[in-house]
């Protein structure tokens, strides 16, 4: 996912977990993938208007019995 930040775009790799309200905006919730253990599994909320592009690398089926993630 590519989003606008400052001068350089921010690239986020991870698993899409859903949507969340962020103030008056809607945000995409991404569970981040990282080689750094302290960053792995963190949730990043990206305001939808800031998203420039989304590239789907792999589609995964939802695990049976798993509940969707909701952030409020």
Protein backbone atom coordinates (compact mmCIF):
# COMPACT_ATOMS: atom_id res chain seq x y z
CA UNK A 1 0.00 0.00 0.00
CA UNK A 2 1.32 3.42 -0.92
CA UNK A 3 0.11 6.48 0.97
CA UNK A 4 0.99 10.15 0.90
CA UNK A 5 2.94 11.40 3.88
CA UNK A 6 5.46 14.19 3.72
CA UNK A 7 7.92 14.44 0.87
CA UNK A 8 8.29 10.68 0.46
CA UNK A 9 5.38 8.24 0.14
CA UNK A 10 4.96 5.70 2.95
CA UNK A 11 4.94 2.05 1.86
CA UNK A 12 3.12 -0.41 4.14
CA UNK A 13 3.26 -4.20 3.77
CA UNK A 14 0.75 -6.20 5.72
CA UNK A 15 -2.64 -7.82 5.96
CA UNK A 16 -5.80 -5.78 5.52
CA UNK A 17 -7.89 -6.20 8.67
CA UNK A 18 -10.81 -3.87 8.01
CA UNK A 19 -11.90 -0.27 8.35
CA UNK A 20 -12.00 2.08 11.31
CA UNK A 21 -13.23 5.56 12.11
CA UNK A 22 -10.38 8.02 12.55
CA UNK A 23 -11.88 11.32 13.58
CA UNK A 24 -14.28 12.21 10.79
CA UNK A 25 -12.39 10.06 8.27
CA UNK A 26 -12.48 6.37 7.43
CA UNK A 27 -9.15 4.57 7.80
CA UNK A 28 -7.85 1.27 6.47
CA UNK A 29 -6.51 -1.02 9.22
CA UNK A 30 -3.37 -2.90 8.18
CA UNK A 31 -1.61 -5.49 10.37
CA UNK A 32 1.99 -4.75 9.49
CA UNK A 33 4.58 -7.26 8.35
CA UNK A 34 8.14 -6.42 9.33
CA UNK A 35 11.49 -8.05 9.79
CA UNK A 36 11.83 -6.14 13.06
CA UNK A 37 10.13 -8.14 15.85
CA UNK A 38 8.96 -5.01 17.68
CA UNK A 39 7.02 -3.84 14.60
CA UNK A 40 5.55 -7.18 13.52
CA UNK A 41 1.82 -7.39 14.18
CA UNK A 42 1.32 -3.68 14.85
CA UNK A 43 -1.81 -2.13 13.43
CA UNK A 44 -1.41 0.87 11.15
CA UNK A 45 -4.44 3.08 10.50
CA UNK A 46 -4.18 4.89 7.18
CA UNK A 47 -6.77 7.58 6.39
CA UNK A 48 -8.55 6.49 3.19
CA UNK A 49 -8.07 9.87 1.40
CA UNK A 50 -4.29 9.47 1.85
CA UNK A 51 -4.09 6.15 0.00
CA UNK A 52 -2.49 6.55 -3.43
CA UNK A 53 -2.39 2.88 -4.50
CA UNK A 54 -3.09 -0.63 -3.23
CA UNK A 55 -1.34 -3.65 -4.70
CA UNK A 56 -2.81 -7.02 -3.70
CA UNK A 57 0.05 -9.52 -3.56
CA UNK A 58 -1.87 -12.53 -2.27
CA UNK A 59 -5.49 -13.30 -1.43
CA UNK A 60 -6.16 -15.32 1.72
CA UNK A 61 -9.37 -17.03 2.75
CA UNK A 62 -10.80 -16.01 6.10
CA UNK A 63 -10.03 -18.63 8.72
CA UNK A 64 -13.06 -20.62 9.80
CA UNK A 65 -14.35 -19.53 13.18
CA UNK A 66 -12.28 -16.34 13.22
CA UNK A 67 -14.01 -13.12 14.08
CA UNK A 68 -13.47 -9.99 11.98
CA UNK A 69 -11.39 -7.23 13.58
CA UNK A 70 -13.21 -4.02 14.45
CA UNK A 71 -11.40 -0.92 15.69
CA UNK A 72 -13.39 1.85 17.33
